Amino acid sequence: MSSPRIERILITNDDGIDAPGLEVLEAVARELADEVWVVAPDQDQSGISHALSLHHPLRVKARGERRFSVSGTPADCVAIGLRQLMEKPPQLLLSGINKGANLGVETMFSGTVGAAMAGLLLGVPSIALSQFFTRRDAVKWGTARALAPDVIRRLIRMEWAADVCLNVNFPDVAPEEAGPLQITRQGIGRMDGLNITQRTDMREQGYSWLTIDRHERPDFEDSETWVVTHGGISATPLRFERTDLDVMARLKSSLPD
């Protein structure tokens, strides 16, 4: 069953306005919508999560028809797009396509997911999209380009709650080798912690470089990590509410009467 064309889509990312994944997402969005708006950071904002720029002004620069860069975070871009640039609201917000998967714990730090959460906060159905890779110099953008239009059409035909956005990851395989779309849970992911490397620059001044440590331990079979690393396409519903209800109940039971 084919889906009707969407009237208007807003797209953004965290890799920046000139990122190859954004170019791919623009092409995907134009297959789906009559009107595509691009509002993206003017530079890489990876790892910025849901951050908002509350202590400095935002500079907006036109980059073409309905295409703008913003001197801020992905969430800033969503706010600027929805509250300043667009006269009519979009029916869908797409964030990505990220260079690298956003799986498990890493979704908490992802600017790609953060932008989708900002769209959710402002009342727009939102989907974050990422392309998993195992070699940084050989990202299979063609996989996301080929598969994303149908995946997005299928997802928007489904009903999901108004307090949820979707996190989609494409596997590091050729499009014809990809497994089916699966609805997944976040799971543990592969993030194992943070590491600091200290170095000295050309002026003999010290500086530190932060990196993410990752592990290869197995995850739940219904998790996004398991699905994507086994060649499938994952879609995980995410929400702001993160209360651990089991721990909450135990803590409440420990309070004196």
C-alpha atoms as a PDB file:
ATOM      1  CA  MET A   1       0.000   0.000   0.000  1.00  0.00           C
ATOM      2  CA  SER A   2       1.508   3.277  -1.105  1.00  0.00           C
ATOM      3  CA  SER A   3       1.483   6.315   1.144  1.00  0.00           C
ATOM      4  CA  PRO A   4       0.324   9.751  -0.032  1.00  0.00           C
ATOM      5  CA  ARG A   5       3.012  12.363  -0.405  1.00  0.00           C
ATOM      6  CA  ILE A   6       3.742  14.448   2.655  1.00  0.00           C
ATOM      7  CA  GLU A   7       3.072  18.149   2.265  1.00  0.00           C
ATOM      8  CA  ARG A   8       6.091  19.438   4.205  1.00  0.00           C
ATOM      9  CA  ILE A   9       9.199  17.933   5.892  1.00  0.00           C
ATOM     10  CA  LEU A  10      11.851  19.633   8.027  1.00  0.00           C
ATOM     11  CA  ILE A  11      15.266  17.962   8.085  1.00  0.00           C
ATOM     12  CA  THR A  12      18.324  18.575  10.240  1.00  0.00           C
ATOM     13  CA  ASN A  13      21.377  16.690  11.546  1.00  0.00           C
ATOM     14  CA  ASP A  14      24.315  16.926  13.942  1.00  0.00           C
ATOM     15  CA  ASP A  15      27.144  16.372  11.434  1.00  0.00           C
ATOM     16  CA  GLY A  16      26.691  19.811   9.895  1.00  0.00           C
ATOM     17  CA  ILE A  17      25.138  21.449   6.839  1.00  0.00           C
ATOM     18  CA  ASP A  18      27.805  20.087   4.457  1.00  0.00           C
ATOM     19  CA  ALA A  19      27.745  16.471   5.702  1.00  0.00           C
ATOM     20  CA  PRO A  20      27.226  13.700   3.130  1.00  0.00           C
ATOM     21  CA  GLY A  21      24.505  12.124   5.255  1.00  0.00           C
ATOM     22  CA  LEU A  22      22.431  15.304   5.088  1.00  0.00           C
ATOM     23  CA  GLU A  23      22.747  15.291   1.301  1.00  0.00           C
ATOM     24  CA  VAL A  24      21.426  11.730   1.293  1.00  0.00           C
ATOM     25  CA  LEU A  25      18.557  12.679   3.594  1.00  0.00           C
ATOM     26  CA  GLU A  26      17.613  15.620   1.373  1.00  0.00           C
ATOM     27  CA  ALA A  27      17.266  13.245  -1.572  1.00  0.00           C
ATOM     28  CA  VAL A  28      15.187  10.861   0.535  1.00  0.00           C
ATOM     29  CA  ALA A  29      12.939  13.657   1.796  1.00  0.00           C
ATOM     30  CA  ARG A  30      12.314  14.919  -1.734  1.00  0.00           C
ATOM     31  CA  GLU A  31      10.952  11.490  -2.626  1.00  0.00           C
ATOM     32  CA  LEU A  32       8.451  11.782   0.196  1.00  0.00           C
ATOM     33  CA  ALA A  33       7.384  15.425   0.359  1.00  0.00           C
ATOM     34  CA  ASP A  34       6.322  18.293  -1.861  1.00  0.00           C
ATOM     35  CA  GLU A  35       8.239  20.796   0.274  1.00  0.00           C
ATOM     36  CA  VAL A  36      11.546  20.128   2.046  1.00  0.00           C
ATOM     37  CA  TRP A  37      13.132  22.526   4.521  1.00  0.00           C
ATOM     38  CA  VAL A  38      16.748  22.117   5.649  1.00  0.00           C
ATOM     39  CA  VAL A  39      17.900  23.766   8.881  1.00  0.00           C
ATOM     40  CA  ALA A  40      21.220  22.325  10.070  1.00  0.00           C
ATOM     41  CA  PRO A  41      24.228  23.337  12.195  1.00  0.00           C
ATOM     42  CA  ASP A  42      26.957  25.291  10.421  1.00  0.00           C
ATOM     43  CA  GLN A  43      29.538  22.854  11.825  1.00  0.00           C
ATOM     44  CA  ASP A  44      29.765  19.383  13.329  1.00  0.00           C
ATOM     45  CA  GLN A  45      27.756  19.122  16.566  1.00  0.00           C
ATOM     46  CA  SER A  46      28.152  15.383  17.219  1.00  0.00           C
ATOM     47  CA  GLY A  47      27.704  14.319  20.838  1.00  0.00           C
ATOM     48  CA  ILE A  48      25.831  17.485  21.787  1.00  0.00           C
ATOM     49  CA  SER A  49      22.651  15.576  22.739  1.00  0.00           C
ATOM     50  CA  HIS A  50      19.594  17.811  23.402  1.00  0.00           C
ATOM     51  CA  ALA A  51      21.629  20.931  24.216  1.00  0.00           C
ATOM     52  CA  LEU A  52      20.083  24.371  23.692  1.00  0.00           C
ATOM     53  CA  SER A  53      22.087  27.586  23.274  1.00  0.00           C
ATOM     54  CA  LEU A  54      20.760  29.785  26.066  1.00  0.00           C
ATOM     55  CA  HIS A  55      23.827  31.991  26.639  1.00  0.00           C
ATOM     56  CA  HIS A  56      24.776  33.266  23.186  1.00  0.00           C
ATOM     57  CA  PRO A  57      22.934  34.455  20.072  1.00  0.00           C
ATOM     58  CA  LEU A  58      22.215  32.211  17.101  1.00  0.00           C
ATOM     59  CA  ARG A  59      23.259  33.263  13.597  1.00  0.00           C
ATOM     60  CA  VAL A  60      21.124  32.015  10.700  1.00  0.00           C
ATOM     61  CA  LYS A  61      22.514  31.982   7.161  1.00  0.00           C
ATOM     62  CA  ALA A  62      20.533  31.262   4.000  1.00  0.00           C
ATOM     63  CA  ARG A  63      22.146  28.496   1.940  1.00  0.00           C
ATOM     64  CA  GLY A  64      19.579  28.282  -0.852  1.00  0.00           C
ATOM     65  CA  GLU A  65      15.828  27.995  -1.203  1.00  0.00           C
ATOM     66  CA  ARG A  66      14.395  26.660   2.090  1.00  0.00           C
ATOM     67  CA  ARG A  67      17.946  25.769   3.162  1.00  0.00           C
ATOM     68  CA  PHE A  68      19.625  27.367   6.197  1.00  0.00           C
ATOM     69  CA  SER A  69      22.624  26.873   8.471  1.00  0.00           C
ATOM     70  CA  VAL A  70      22.558  27.862  12.147  1.00  0.00           C
ATOM     71  CA  SER A  71      25.462  28.637  14.498  1.00  0.00           C
ATOM     72  CA  GLY A  72      24.055  26.329  17.142  1.00  0.00           C
ATOM     73  CA  THR A  73      23.066  22.821  18.119  1.00  0.00           C
ATOM     74  CA  PRO A  74      20.695  20.425  16.345  1.00  0.00           C
ATOM     75  CA  ALA A  75      17.982  21.245  18.888  1.00  0.00           C
ATOM     76  CA  ASP A  76      18.567  24.959  18.199  1.00  0.00           C
ATOM     77  CA  CYS A  77      18.085  24.245  14.497  1.00  0.00           C
ATOM     78  CA  VAL A  78      14.767  22.544  15.149  1.00  0.00           C
ATOM     79  CA  ALA A  79      13.573  25.481  17.243  1.00  0.00           C
ATOM     80  CA  ILE A  80      14.729  28.032  14.643  1.00  0.00           C
ATOM     81  CA  GLY A  81      13.106  26.065  11.850  1.00  0.00           C
ATOM     82  CA  LEU A  82       9.768  25.557  13.574  1.00  0.00           C
ATOM     83  CA  ARG A  83       9.468  28.843  15.433  1.00  0.00           C
ATOM     84  CA  GLN A  84      11.167  31.324  13.103  1.00  0.00           C
ATOM     85  CA  LEU A  85      11.707  30.174   9.529  1.00  0.00           C
ATOM     86  CA  MET A  86       8.685  28.057   8.624  1.00  0.00           C
ATOM     87  CA  GLU A  87       5.342  29.815   8.280  1.00  0.00           C
ATOM     88  CA  LYS A  88       3.467  26.498   8.284  1.00  0.00           C
ATOM     89  CA  PRO A  89       4.433  23.504  10.445  1.00  0.00           C
ATOM     90  CA  PRO A  90       5.835  20.340   8.868  1.00  0.00           C
ATOM     91  CA  GLN A  91       4.054  17.010   9.081  1.00  0.00           C
ATOM     92  CA  LEU A  92       7.355  15.251   9.798  1.00  0.00           C
ATOM     93  CA  LEU A  93      10.849  16.008  11.086  1.00  0.00           C
ATOM     94  CA  LEU A  94      13.792  13.852   9.935  1.00  0.00           C
ATOM     95  CA  SER A  95      17.210  14.053  11.602  1.00  0.00           C
ATOM     96  CA  GLY A  96      20.367  12.586  10.032  1.00  0.00           C
ATOM     97  CA  ILE A  97      21.461  10.653   8.254  1.00  0.00           C
ATOM     98  CA  ASN A  98      24.152  10.252  10.912  1.00  0.00           C
ATOM     99  CA  LYS A  99      27.603   8.934  10.020  1.00  0.00           C
ATOM    100  CA  GLY A 100      27.680   6.011  12.419  1.00  0.00           C
ATOM    101  CA  ALA A 101      24.991   4.176  14.341  1.00  0.00           C
ATOM    102  CA  ASN A 102      23.217   5.578  17.386  1.00  0.00           C
ATOM    103  CA  LEU A 103      22.723   2.513  19.561  1.00  0.00           C
ATOM    104  CA  GLY A 104      21.973   1.875  23.215  1.00  0.00           C
ATOM    105  CA  VAL A 105      23.511   4.273  25.707  1.00  0.00           C
ATOM    106  CA  GLU A 106      24.988   6.425  22.909  1.00  0.00           C
ATOM    107  CA  THR A 107      21.501   7.656  22.013  1.00  0.00           C
ATOM    108  CA  MET A 108      21.666   9.695  25.226  1.00  0.00           C
ATOM    109  CA  PHE A 109      24.583  11.713  23.826  1.00  0.00           C
ATOM    110  CA  SER A 110      23.544  11.816  20.167  1.00  0.00           C
ATOM    111  CA  GLY A 111      22.787  15.174  18.584  1.00  0.00           C
ATOM    112  CA  THR A 112      20.908  13.310  15.847  1.00  0.00           C
ATOM    113  CA  VAL A 113      18.537  11.801  18.394  1.00  0.00           C
ATOM    114  CA  GLY A 114      18.548  15.081  20.341  1.00  0.00           C
ATOM    115  CA  ALA A 115      17.130  16.888  17.311  1.00  0.00           C
ATOM    116  CA  ALA A 116      14.339  14.330  16.996  1.00  0.00           C
ATOM    117  CA  MET A 117      13.583  14.750  20.699  1.00  0.00           C
ATOM    118  CA  ALA A 118      13.419  18.519  20.178  1.00  0.00           C
ATOM    119  CA  GLY A 119      10.922  17.957  17.378  1.00  0.00           C
ATOM    120  CA  LEU A 120       8.937  15.718  19.724  1.00  0.00           C
ATOM    121  CA  LEU A 121       8.978  18.451  22.389  1.00  0.00           C
ATOM    122  CA  LEU A 122       7.607  20.951  19.868  1.00  0.00           C
ATOM    123  CA  GLY A 123       4.816  18.654  18.700  1.00  0.00           C
ATOM    124  CA  VAL A 124       6.130  17.312  15.390  1.00  0.00           C
ATOM    125  CA  PRO A 125       6.368  13.566  14.622  1.00  0.00           C
ATOM    126  CA  SER A 126      10.123  12.969  14.453  1.00  0.00           C
ATOM    127  CA  ILE A 127      12.497  10.251  13.253  1.00  0.00           C
ATOM    128  CA  ALA A 128      16.272  10.072  13.752  1.00  0.00           C
ATOM    129  CA  LEU A 129      18.189   8.079  11.118  1.00  0.00           C
ATOM    130  CA  SER A 130      21.754   6.720  11.242  1.00  0.00           C
ATOM    131  CA  GLN A 131      23.996   4.618   8.991  1.00  0.00           C
ATOM    132  CA  PHE A 132      26.115   2.042  10.839  1.00  0.00           C
ATOM    133  CA  PHE A 133      29.666   1.532   9.532  1.00  0.00           C
ATOM    134  CA  THR A 134      32.612  -0.665  10.360  1.00  0.00           C
ATOM    135  CA  ARG A 135      35.091   1.329   8.240  1.00  0.00           C
ATOM    136  CA  ARG A 136      35.030   5.110   8.502  1.00  0.00           C
ATOM    137  CA  ASP A 137      36.377   5.466   4.960  1.00  0.00           C
ATOM    138  CA  ALA A 138      33.711   3.151   3.495  1.00  0.00           C
ATOM    139  CA  VAL A 139      30.322   4.261   4.831  1.00  0.00           C
ATOM    140  CA  LYS A 140      27.534   2.572   2.846  1.00  0.00           C
ATOM    141  CA  TRP A 141      25.443   5.660   2.215  1.00  0.00           C
ATOM    142  CA  GLY A 142      23.773   3.828  -0.653  1.00  0.00           C
ATOM    143  CA  THR A 143      22.100   1.521   1.853  1.00  0.00           C
ATOM    144  CA  ALA A 144      20.331   4.316   3.705  1.00  0.00           C
ATOM    145  CA  ARG A 145      19.570   6.080   0.418  1.00  0.00           C
ATOM    146  CA  ALA A 146      17.928   2.988  -1.047  1.00  0.00           C
ATOM    147  CA  LEU A 147      16.071   1.789   2.038  1.00  0.00           C
ATOM    148  CA  ALA A 148      15.092   4.947   3.940  1.00  0.00           C
ATOM    149  CA  PRO A 149      12.157   6.048   1.739  1.00  0.00           C
ATOM    150  CA  ASP A 150      10.267   2.780   2.190  1.00  0.00           C
ATOM    151  CA  VAL A 151      11.204   2.527   5.878  1.00  0.00           C
ATOM    152  CA  ILE A 152       9.904   6.049   6.564  1.00  0.00           C
ATOM    153  CA  ARG A 153       6.702   5.382   4.598  1.00  0.00           C
ATOM    154  CA  ARG A 154       6.076   2.222   6.610  1.00  0.00           C
ATOM    155  CA  LEU A 155       6.725   3.955   9.915  1.00  0.00           C
ATOM    156  CA  ILE A 156       4.443   6.921   9.257  1.00  0.00           C
ATOM    157  CA  ARG A 157       1.634   4.505   8.355  1.00  0.00           C
ATOM    158  CA  MET A 158       1.980   3.075  11.855  1.00  0.00           C
ATOM    159  CA  GLU A 159       0.643   4.858  14.909  1.00  0.00           C
ATOM    160  CA  TRP A 160       2.987   5.846  17.697  1.00  0.00           C
ATOM    161  CA  ALA A 161       2.296   7.906  20.785  1.00  0.00           C
ATOM    162  CA  ALA A 162       2.543  11.685  20.782  1.00  0.00           C
ATOM    163  CA  ASP A 163       5.251  11.468  23.465  1.00  0.00           C
ATOM    164  CA  VAL A 164       7.542   9.235  21.364  1.00  0.00           C
ATOM    165  CA  CYS A 165      10.059   9.734  18.558  1.00  0.00           C
ATOM    166  CA  LEU A 166      11.720   6.958  16.550  1.00  0.00           C
ATOM    167  CA  ASN A 167      15.413   6.072  16.296  1.00  0.00           C
ATOM    168  CA  VAL A 168      16.238   4.215  13.054  1.00  0.00           C
ATOM    169  CA  ASN A 169      19.567   2.551  12.236  1.00  0.00           C
ATOM    170  CA  PHE A 170      20.627   1.016   8.921  1.00  0.00           C
ATOM    171  CA  PRO A 171      23.140  -1.868   8.817  1.00  0.00           C
ATOM    172  CA  ASP A 172      26.623  -1.912   7.294  1.00  0.00           C
ATOM    173  CA  VAL A 173      25.627  -4.118   4.357  1.00  0.00           C
ATOM    174  CA  ALA A 174      24.594  -3.548   0.766  1.00  0.00           C
ATOM    175  CA  PRO A 175      20.896  -2.619   0.471  1.00  0.00           C
ATOM    176  CA  GLU A 176      19.980  -5.910  -1.183  1.00  0.00           C
ATOM    177  CA  GLU A 177      21.587  -7.797   1.720  1.00  0.00           C
ATOM    178  CA  ALA A 178      19.786  -5.893   4.489  1.00  0.00           C
ATOM    179  CA  GLY A 179      17.350  -7.742   6.716  1.00  0.00           C
ATOM    180  CA  PRO A 180      13.817  -6.541   7.398  1.00  0.00           C
ATOM    181  CA  LEU A 181      12.731  -3.569   9.465  1.00  0.00           C
ATOM    182  CA  GLN A 182      12.294  -4.584  13.094  1.00  0.00           C
ATOM    183  CA  ILE A 183      10.808  -2.670  16.013  1.00  0.00           C
ATOM    184  CA  THR A 184      13.438  -2.834  18.752  1.00  0.00           C
ATOM    185  CA  ARG A 185      14.274  -1.694  22.259  1.00  0.00           C
ATOM    186  CA  GLN A 186      17.241   0.529  23.065  1.00  0.00           C
ATOM    187  CA  GLY A 187      19.278  -2.112  24.875  1.00  0.00           C
ATOM    188  CA  ILE A 188      22.777  -1.647  26.228  1.00  0.00           C
ATOM    189  CA  GLY A 189      24.605  -0.666  23.053  1.00  0.00           C
ATOM    190  CA  ARG A 190      28.373  -0.707  22.666  1.00  0.00           C
ATOM    191  CA  MET A 191      29.442   2.332  24.688  1.00  0.00           C
ATOM    192  CA  ASP A 192      31.759   1.258  27.505  1.00  0.00           C
ATOM    193  CA  GLY A 193      32.822   4.624  28.903  1.00  0.00           C
ATOM    194  CA  LEU A 194      34.877   7.724  28.136  1.00  0.00           C
ATOM    195  CA  ASN A 195      38.633   8.076  27.834  1.00  0.00           C
ATOM    196  CA  ILE A 196      40.911  11.131  27.923  1.00  0.00           C
ATOM    197  CA  THR A 197      44.110  11.429  25.887  1.00  0.00           C
ATOM    198  CA  GLN A 198      46.483  14.235  26.881  1.00  0.00           C
ATOM    199  CA  ARG A 199      48.716  15.825  24.239  1.00  0.00           C
ATOM    200  CA  THR A 200      50.898  18.903  23.653  1.00  0.00           C
ATOM    201  CA  ASP A 201      50.317  21.294  20.767  1.00  0.00           C
ATOM    202  CA  MET A 202      52.865  23.115  18.586  1.00  0.00           C
ATOM    203  CA  ARG A 203      53.159  25.895  21.170  1.00  0.00           C
ATOM    204  CA  GLU A 204      53.904  23.359  23.893  1.00  0.00           C
ATOM    205  CA  GLN A 205      50.524  23.935  25.507  1.00  0.00           C
ATOM    206  CA  GLY A 206      48.722  20.917  26.921  1.00  0.00           C
ATOM    207  CA  TYR A 207      45.296  19.849  25.763  1.00  0.00           C
ATOM    208  CA  SER A 208      42.985  16.865  26.214  1.00  0.00           C
ATOM    209  CA  TRP A 209      41.096  14.804  23.647  1.00  0.00           C
ATOM    210  CA  LEU A 210      37.967  12.909  24.705  1.00  0.00           C
ATOM    211  CA  THR A 211      37.081   9.594  23.031  1.00  0.00           C
ATOM    212  CA  ILE A 212      34.391   6.946  23.496  1.00  0.00           C
ATOM    213  CA  ASP A 213      35.395   3.440  24.531  1.00  0.00           C
ATOM    214  CA  ARG A 214      33.287   0.684  22.928  1.00  0.00           C
ATOM    215  CA  HIS A 215      32.912  -3.008  23.630  1.00  0.00           C
ATOM    216  CA  GLU A 216      31.721  -5.992  21.591  1.00  0.00           C
ATOM    217  CA  ARG A 217      29.698  -7.731  24.293  1.00  0.00           C
ATOM    218  CA  PRO A 218      26.393  -9.232  23.111  1.00  0.00           C
ATOM    219  CA  ASP A 219      23.154  -7.320  23.577  1.00  0.00           C
ATOM    220  CA  PHE A 220      19.544  -8.475  23.886  1.00  0.00           C
ATOM    221  CA  GLU A 221      18.255 -10.146  20.715  1.00  0.00           C
ATOM    222  CA  ASP A 222      15.408  -7.618  20.485  1.00  0.00           C
ATOM    223  CA  SER A 223      17.787  -4.652  20.898  1.00  0.00           C
ATOM    224  CA  GLU A 224      18.731  -2.233  18.147  1.00  0.00           C
ATOM    225  CA  THR A 225      22.403  -3.186  18.496  1.00  0.00           C
ATOM    226  CA  TRP A 226      21.755  -6.895  17.939  1.00  0.00           C
ATOM    227  CA  VAL A 227      19.470  -6.254  14.965  1.00  0.00           C
ATOM    228  CA  VAL A 228      21.759  -3.767  13.203  1.00  0.00           C
ATOM    229  CA  THR A 229      24.978  -5.736  13.756  1.00  0.00           C
ATOM    230  CA  HIS A 230      23.193  -8.779  12.308  1.00  0.00           C
ATOM    231  CA  GLY A 231      22.245  -6.905   9.133  1.00  0.00           C
ATOM    232  CA  GLY A 232      18.733  -5.742   9.973  1.00  0.00           C
ATOM    233  CA  ILE A 233      17.092  -2.321  10.172  1.00  0.00           C
ATOM    234  CA  SER A 234      16.079  -1.186  13.653  1.00  0.00           C
ATOM    235  CA  ALA A 235      13.430   1.311  14.731  1.00  0.00           C
ATOM    236  CA  THR A 236      13.266   2.091  18.452  1.00  0.00           C
ATOM    237  CA  PRO A 237      10.554   4.240  20.059  1.00  0.00           C
ATOM    238  CA  LEU A 238      12.126   6.721  22.491  1.00  0.00           C
ATOM    239  CA  ARG A 239      10.607   9.123  25.009  1.00  0.00           C
ATOM    240  CA  PHE A 240      11.755  11.664  27.581  1.00  0.00           C
ATOM    241  CA  GLU A 241      10.436   9.655  30.545  1.00  0.00           C
ATOM    242  CA  ARG A 242      13.359   7.606  31.896  1.00  0.00           C
ATOM    243  CA  THR A 243      12.183   6.761  35.405  1.00  0.00           C
ATOM    244  CA  ASP A 244      13.198   3.252  36.537  1.00  0.00           C
ATOM    245  CA  LEU A 245       9.880   2.098  37.956  1.00  0.00           C
ATOM    246  CA  ASP A 246      11.333  -0.981  39.686  1.00  0.00           C
ATOM    247  CA  VAL A 247      13.937   1.086  41.538  1.00  0.00           C
ATOM    248  CA  MET A 248      11.330   3.735  42.266  1.00  0.00           C
ATOM    249  CA  ALA A 249       9.099   1.119  43.919  1.00  0.00           C
ATOM    250  CA  ARG A 250      11.991  -0.261  45.992  1.00  0.00           C
ATOM    251  CA  LEU A 251      13.020   3.217  47.135  1.00  0.00           C
ATOM    252  CA  LYS A 252       9.466   4.090  48.096  1.00  0.00           C
ATOM    253  CA  SER A 253       9.160   0.854  50.071  1.00  0.00           C
ATOM    254  CA  SER A 254      12.339   1.770  51.974  1.00  0.00           C
ATOM    255  CA  LEU A 255      10.930   5.040  53.231  1.00  0.00           C
ATOM    256  CA  PRO A 256       9.733   4.989  56.831  1.00  0.00           C
ATOM    257  CA  ASP A 257       5.997   4.977  57.330  1.00  0.00           C
END
